[in-house]
Amino acid sequence: MNTRVSKLNSEFKRMIAEVLTKKVKDPRITEMFTVLDVDCDKELSTAKVYVSVFSTDADRAAATFAAIRDNEPIVRREISRAMHIRKVPEFSFILDTSQEYGQKIDKILNEINQKSNNS
């Protein structure tokens, strides 16, 4: 990946998080979330935005992610105003569940460890 795209990915990541937390006033965004990564194609026409939502309530987490996804036009507009680049890519938000998966694996491994220690 070239340096320009890499720098833009980093800047988009920062800006998307800022816009979603400070500018978007969607009541469905009730849970804590993190923009983990942005992966722009080299033409800057599309970008995958990986988001993780932290919640113990699956319905509220789903609603928060849906709100994030639905506010993509606002995110693009705000980034276009703030950054002086010719073209802001279309963002497709992707829910990243790798942390959830990792926690589940840790829990299973801990249970196995406890069983083997008790035997």
N, C-alpha and C. Protein backbone atom coordinates (compact mmCIF):
# COMPACT_ATOMS: atom_id res chain seq x y z
N MET A 1 0.85 -1.17 0.00
CA MET A 1 0.00 0.00 0.00
C MET A 1 0.89 1.24 0.00
N ASN A 2 0.50 2.23 -0.79
CA ASN A 2 1.36 3.41 -0.85
C ASN A 2 1.17 4.30 0.38
N THR A 3 2.13 5.16 0.59
CA THR A 3 2.18 5.99 1.79
C THR A 3 0.99 6.94 1.88
N ARG A 4 0.58 7.49 0.77
CA ARG A 4 -0.55 8.43 0.77
C ARG A 4 -1.82 7.75 1.25
N VAL A 5 -2.12 6.57 0.72
CA VAL A 5 -3.33 5.84 1.13
C VAL A 5 -3.23 5.47 2.60
N SER A 6 -2.05 5.06 3.03
CA SER A 6 -1.85 4.70 4.43
C SER A 6 -2.11 5.91 5.35
N LYS A 7 -1.61 7.07 4.97
CA LYS A 7 -1.84 8.29 5.75
C LYS A 7 -3.32 8.66 5.75
N LEU A 8 -3.96 8.53 4.59
CA LEU A 8 -5.39 8.84 4.51
C LEU A 8 -6.21 7.87 5.37
N ASN A 9 -5.85 6.59 5.35
CA ASN A 9 -6.55 5.61 6.18
C ASN A 9 -6.50 6.03 7.65
N SER A 10 -5.33 6.44 8.09
CA SER A 10 -5.14 6.86 9.47
C SER A 10 -5.97 8.11 9.78
N GLU A 11 -5.96 9.05 8.86
CA GLU A 11 -6.72 10.29 9.05
C GLU A 11 -8.22 10.02 9.01
N PHE A 12 -8.66 9.17 8.08
CA PHE A 12 -10.08 8.81 8.02
C PHE A 12 -10.53 8.14 9.31
N LYS A 13 -9.69 7.26 9.83
CA LYS A 13 -10.02 6.55 11.09
C LYS A 13 -10.27 7.56 12.21
N ARG A 14 -9.37 8.50 12.35
CA ARG A 14 -9.49 9.53 13.39
C ARG A 14 -10.72 10.39 13.17
N MET A 15 -10.92 10.82 11.93
CA MET A 15 -12.04 11.71 11.61
C MET A 15 -13.40 11.02 11.75
N ILE A 16 -13.49 9.77 11.32
CA ILE A 16 -14.76 9.04 11.42
C ILE A 16 -15.16 8.90 12.88
N ALA A 17 -14.21 8.53 13.73
CA ALA A 17 -14.50 8.39 15.16
C ALA A 17 -14.95 9.73 15.74
N GLU A 18 -14.27 10.79 15.35
CA GLU A 18 -14.62 12.13 15.85
C GLU A 18 -16.01 12.55 15.39
N VAL A 19 -16.31 12.36 14.12
CA VAL A 19 -17.62 12.74 13.59
C VAL A 19 -18.73 11.95 14.27
N LEU A 20 -18.52 10.64 14.41
CA LEU A 20 -19.56 9.80 15.02
C LEU A 20 -19.81 10.16 16.48
N THR A 21 -18.76 10.55 17.20
CA THR A 21 -18.95 10.86 18.62
C THR A 21 -19.39 12.30 18.86
N LYS A 22 -18.99 13.23 17.99
CA LYS A 22 -19.27 14.64 18.27
C LYS A 22 -20.34 15.27 17.39
N LYS A 23 -20.51 14.80 16.17
CA LYS A 23 -21.42 15.47 15.24
C LYS A 23 -22.72 14.70 15.01
N VAL A 24 -22.66 13.38 15.04
CA VAL A 24 -23.86 12.58 14.78
C VAL A 24 -24.68 12.51 16.06
N LYS A 25 -25.92 12.93 15.98
CA LYS A 25 -26.82 12.94 17.15
C LYS A 25 -27.93 11.91 16.94
N ASP A 26 -27.55 10.66 16.84
CA ASP A 26 -28.52 9.58 16.64
C ASP A 26 -28.80 8.92 17.99
N PRO A 27 -30.05 8.91 18.44
CA PRO A 27 -30.36 8.34 19.76
C PRO A 27 -30.11 6.83 19.85
N ARG A 28 -29.94 6.17 18.70
CA ARG A 28 -29.67 4.72 18.73
C ARG A 28 -28.23 4.41 19.11
N ILE A 29 -27.35 5.40 19.02
CA ILE A 29 -25.96 5.19 19.41
C ILE A 29 -25.87 5.34 20.92
N THR A 30 -26.07 4.21 21.62
CA THR A 30 -26.08 4.22 23.08
C THR A 30 -24.88 3.48 23.66
N GLU A 31 -24.22 2.67 22.85
CA GLU A 31 -23.13 1.84 23.35
C GLU A 31 -21.78 2.43 22.94
N MET A 32 -20.75 2.05 23.69
CA MET A 32 -19.40 2.49 23.38
C MET A 32 -18.92 1.74 22.13
N PHE A 33 -18.19 2.42 21.28
CA PHE A 33 -17.66 1.79 20.07
C PHE A 33 -16.28 2.34 19.76
N THR A 34 -15.57 1.62 18.93
CA THR A 34 -14.24 2.04 18.49
C THR A 34 -14.12 1.81 16.99
N VAL A 35 -13.53 2.77 16.30
CA VAL A 35 -13.18 2.59 14.89
C VAL A 35 -11.80 1.95 14.91
N LEU A 36 -11.74 0.67 14.54
CA LEU A 36 -10.50 -0.08 14.64
C LEU A 36 -9.55 0.17 13.48
N ASP A 37 -10.11 0.26 12.27
CA ASP A 37 -9.25 0.39 11.10
C ASP A 37 -10.06 0.91 9.93
N VAL A 38 -9.38 1.53 8.99
CA VAL A 38 -9.99 1.95 7.73
C VAL A 38 -9.10 1.42 6.62
N ASP A 39 -9.72 0.81 5.63
CA ASP A 39 -8.97 0.22 4.52
C ASP A 39 -9.52 0.78 3.21
N CYS A 40 -8.84 1.79 2.68
CA CYS A 40 -9.23 2.47 1.45
C CYS A 40 -8.64 1.76 0.24
N ASP A 41 -9.41 1.71 -0.85
CA ASP A 41 -8.80 1.20 -2.07
C ASP A 41 -7.92 2.30 -2.67
N LYS A 42 -7.05 1.94 -3.59
CA LYS A 42 -6.06 2.92 -4.07
C LYS A 42 -6.68 4.03 -4.92
N GLU A 43 -7.89 3.81 -5.45
CA GLU A 43 -8.57 4.86 -6.21
C GLU A 43 -9.33 5.83 -5.30
N LEU A 44 -9.38 5.52 -4.01
CA LEU A 44 -10.12 6.30 -3.02
C LEU A 44 -11.61 6.39 -3.33
N SER A 45 -12.15 5.33 -3.92
CA SER A 45 -13.59 5.35 -4.20
C SER A 45 -14.38 4.66 -3.09
N THR A 46 -13.80 3.64 -2.47
CA THR A 46 -14.48 2.96 -1.37
C THR A 46 -13.48 2.70 -0.24
N ALA A 47 -14.04 2.58 0.96
CA ALA A 47 -13.20 2.28 2.12
C ALA A 47 -14.01 1.40 3.07
N LYS A 48 -13.37 0.36 3.55
CA LYS A 48 -13.98 -0.48 4.58
C LYS A 48 -13.60 0.11 5.93
N VAL A 49 -14.61 0.28 6.79
CA VAL A 49 -14.38 0.84 8.11
C VAL A 49 -14.76 -0.23 9.13
N TYR A 50 -13.76 -0.71 9.86
CA TYR A 50 -13.98 -1.78 10.83
C TYR A 50 -14.30 -1.15 12.19
N VAL A 51 -15.47 -1.52 12.72
CA VAL A 51 -15.96 -0.93 13.96
C VAL A 51 -16.25 -2.04 14.96
N SER A 52 -15.88 -1.81 16.20
CA SER A 52 -16.19 -2.74 17.28
C SER A 52 -17.12 -2.02 18.25
N VAL A 53 -18.23 -2.71 18.63
CA VAL A 53 -19.19 -2.14 19.57
C VAL A 53 -19.09 -2.94 20.86
N PHE A 54 -18.91 -2.21 21.97
CA PHE A 54 -18.76 -2.86 23.27
C PHE A 54 -20.08 -2.77 24.03
N SER A 55 -20.70 -3.93 24.27
CA SER A 55 -21.96 -3.94 24.99
C SER A 55 -22.26 -5.35 25.48
N THR A 56 -22.98 -5.41 26.59
CA THR A 56 -23.44 -6.71 27.09
C THR A 56 -24.82 -7.02 26.53
N ASP A 57 -25.46 -6.03 25.94
CA ASP A 57 -26.79 -6.19 25.37
C ASP A 57 -26.68 -6.27 23.85
N ALA A 58 -26.95 -7.44 23.30
CA ALA A 58 -26.79 -7.66 21.85
C ALA A 58 -27.71 -6.76 21.03
N ASP A 59 -28.93 -6.52 21.49
CA ASP A 59 -29.87 -5.67 20.75
C ASP A 59 -29.39 -4.23 20.69
N ARG A 60 -28.91 -3.73 21.82
CA ARG A 60 -28.41 -2.34 21.84
C ARG A 60 -27.14 -2.21 21.01
N ALA A 61 -26.30 -3.23 21.03
CA ALA A 61 -25.08 -3.21 20.20
C ALA A 61 -25.46 -3.19 18.72
N ALA A 62 -26.44 -4.01 18.35
CA ALA A 62 -26.90 -4.06 16.96
C ALA A 62 -27.50 -2.72 16.54
N ALA A 63 -28.28 -2.10 17.43
CA ALA A 63 -28.88 -0.80 17.12
C ALA A 63 -27.82 0.27 16.96
N THR A 64 -26.80 0.23 17.81
CA THR A 64 -25.70 1.20 17.72
C THR A 64 -24.98 1.04 16.38
N PHE A 65 -24.68 -0.21 16.00
CA PHE A 65 -23.99 -0.43 14.73
C PHE A 65 -24.85 0.00 13.55
N ALA A 66 -26.16 -0.30 13.60
CA ALA A 66 -27.07 0.11 12.52
C ALA A 66 -27.08 1.63 12.39
N ALA A 67 -27.09 2.33 13.52
CA ALA A 67 -27.08 3.80 13.50
C ALA A 67 -25.78 4.32 12.88
N ILE A 68 -24.68 3.70 13.24
CA ILE A 68 -23.39 4.10 12.67
C ILE A 68 -23.42 3.93 11.15
N ARG A 69 -23.88 2.77 10.72
CA ARG A 69 -23.96 2.47 9.28
C ARG A 69 -24.92 3.44 8.57
N ASP A 70 -26.07 3.72 9.18
CA ASP A 70 -27.06 4.60 8.56
C ASP A 70 -26.60 6.05 8.45
N ASN A 71 -25.66 6.46 9.27
CA ASN A 71 -25.18 7.83 9.26
C ASN A 71 -23.97 8.04 8.36
N GLU A 72 -23.68 7.09 7.50
CA GLU A 72 -22.54 7.19 6.58
C GLU A 72 -22.57 8.47 5.74
N PRO A 73 -23.74 8.90 5.21
CA PRO A 73 -23.74 10.15 4.42
C PRO A 73 -23.30 11.37 5.24
N ILE A 74 -23.70 11.42 6.50
CA ILE A 74 -23.30 12.54 7.37
C ILE A 74 -21.80 12.49 7.62
N VAL A 75 -21.28 11.30 7.85
CA VAL A 75 -19.84 11.13 8.08
C VAL A 75 -19.07 11.61 6.86
N ARG A 76 -19.49 11.19 5.68
CA ARG A 76 -18.81 11.62 4.44
C ARG A 76 -18.86 13.13 4.27
N ARG A 77 -20.03 13.72 4.51
CA ARG A 77 -20.19 15.16 4.34
C ARG A 77 -19.27 15.93 5.30
N GLU A 78 -19.24 15.51 6.56
CA GLU A 78 -18.41 16.20 7.55
C GLU A 78 -16.92 16.04 7.23
N ILE A 79 -16.52 14.86 6.78
CA ILE A 79 -15.11 14.65 6.43
C ILE A 79 -14.75 15.47 5.20
N SER A 80 -15.68 15.55 4.25
CA SER A 80 -15.44 16.36 3.05
C SER A 80 -15.24 17.83 3.41
N ARG A 81 -16.00 18.32 4.39
CA ARG A 81 -15.86 19.72 4.83
C ARG A 81 -14.53 19.95 5.55
N ALA A 82 -14.11 18.96 6.35
CA ALA A 82 -12.93 19.13 7.19
C ALA A 82 -11.62 18.89 6.44
N MET A 83 -11.63 17.92 5.55
CA MET A 83 -10.40 17.58 4.83
C MET A 83 -10.47 18.18 3.43
N HIS A 84 -9.39 18.66 2.97
CA HIS A 84 -9.39 19.27 1.64
C HIS A 84 -8.82 18.28 0.63
N ILE A 85 -9.64 17.26 0.31
CA ILE A 85 -9.25 16.31 -0.73
C ILE A 85 -10.36 16.29 -1.76
N ARG A 86 -10.00 15.96 -2.99
CA ARG A 86 -10.97 15.98 -4.08
C ARG A 86 -12.13 15.03 -3.87
N LYS A 87 -11.82 13.84 -3.38
CA LYS A 87 -12.85 12.82 -3.31
C LYS A 87 -12.79 12.10 -1.96
N VAL A 88 -13.92 12.03 -1.29
CA VAL A 88 -14.03 11.26 -0.06
C VAL A 88 -14.67 9.93 -0.45
N PRO A 89 -14.06 8.82 -0.07
CA PRO A 89 -14.61 7.52 -0.48
C PRO A 89 -15.96 7.22 0.17
N GLU A 90 -16.68 6.29 -0.42
CA GLU A 90 -17.88 5.77 0.22
C GLU A 90 -17.41 4.80 1.29
N PHE A 91 -17.93 4.97 2.49
CA PHE A 91 -17.53 4.12 3.60
C PHE A 91 -18.52 2.98 3.77
N SER A 92 -18.01 1.75 3.85
CA SER A 92 -18.89 0.64 4.24
C SER A 92 -18.41 0.17 5.60
N PHE A 93 -19.31 0.27 6.55
CA PHE A 93 -18.99 -0.08 7.93
C PHE A 93 -19.14 -1.58 8.12
N ILE A 94 -18.13 -2.18 8.73
CA ILE A 94 -18.10 -3.62 8.97
C ILE A 94 -17.94 -3.84 10.46
N LEU A 95 -18.84 -4.64 11.01
CA LEU A 95 -18.78 -4.94 12.44
C LEU A 95 -17.66 -5.94 12.68
N ASP A 96 -16.71 -5.55 13.51
CA ASP A 96 -15.59 -6.43 13.84
C ASP A 96 -15.90 -7.14 15.16
N THR A 97 -15.99 -8.45 15.10
CA THR A 97 -16.33 -9.23 16.29
C THR A 97 -15.13 -10.02 16.80
N SER A 98 -13.95 -9.69 16.35
CA SER A 98 -12.76 -10.47 16.73
C SER A 98 -12.48 -10.39 18.22
N GLN A 99 -12.75 -9.24 18.84
CA GLN A 99 -12.52 -9.14 20.29
C GLN A 99 -13.49 -10.04 21.04
N GLU A 100 -14.75 -10.04 20.61
CA GLU A 100 -15.76 -10.91 21.20
C GLU A 100 -15.33 -12.37 21.08
N TYR A 101 -14.86 -12.72 19.90
CA TYR A 101 -14.41 -14.08 19.63
C TYR A 101 -13.23 -14.43 20.53
N GLY A 102 -12.30 -13.51 20.67
CA GLY A 102 -11.13 -13.73 21.53
C GLY A 102 -11.52 -13.95 22.98
N GLN A 103 -12.49 -13.17 23.45
CA GLN A 103 -12.97 -13.33 24.82
C GLN A 103 -13.62 -14.69 25.01
N LYS A 104 -14.35 -15.13 24.00
CA LYS A 104 -15.01 -16.43 24.08
C LYS A 104 -13.97 -17.55 24.15
N ILE A 105 -12.92 -17.45 23.35
CA ILE A 105 -11.84 -18.44 23.35
C ILE A 105 -11.13 -18.44 24.71
N ASP A 106 -10.84 -17.24 25.24
CA ASP A 106 -10.22 -17.13 26.57
C ASP A 106 -11.05 -17.83 27.63
N LYS A 107 -12.35 -17.60 27.58
CA LYS A 107 -13.26 -18.20 28.56
C LYS A 107 -13.20 -19.73 28.47
N ILE A 108 -13.23 -20.26 27.25
CA ILE A 108 -13.17 -21.72 27.04
C ILE A 108 -11.84 -22.27 27.55
N LEU A 109 -10.75 -21.58 27.24
CA LEU A 109 -9.43 -22.04 27.68
C LEU A 109 -9.32 -22.01 29.21
N ASN A 110 -9.88 -20.98 29.84
CA ASN A 110 -9.87 -20.91 31.30
C ASN A 110 -10.67 -22.05 31.92
N GLU A 111 -11.82 -22.38 31.30
CA GLU A 111 -12.64 -23.49 31.80
C GLU A 111 -11.87 -24.81 31.68
N ILE A 112 -11.19 -25.01 30.57
CA ILE A 112 -10.40 -26.23 30.36
C ILE A 112 -9.28 -26.31 31.39
N ASN A 113 -8.61 -25.17 31.63
CA ASN A 113 -7.54 -25.10 32.62
C ASN A 113 -8.06 -25.45 34.01
N GLN A 114 -9.19 -24.92 34.37
CA GLN A 114 -9.77 -25.19 35.69
C GLN A 114 -10.12 -26.66 35.85
N LYS A 115 -10.67 -27.25 34.79
CA LYS A 115 -11.04 -28.67 34.84
C LYS A 115 -9.79 -29.54 34.98
N SER A 116 -8.73 -29.19 34.26
CA SER A 116 -7.52 -30.01 34.33
C SER A 116 -6.80 -29.83 35.68
N ASN A 117 -6.94 -28.65 36.28
CA ASN A 117 -6.35 -28.41 37.61
C ASN A 117 -7.13 -29.13 38.71
N ASN A 118 -8.43 -29.29 38.51
CA ASN A 118 -9.27 -29.96 39.50
C ASN A 118 -9.17 -31.48 39.41
N SER A 119 -8.65 -31.98 38.32
CA SER A 119 -8.57 -33.45 38.13
C SER A 119 -7.40 -34.06 38.85
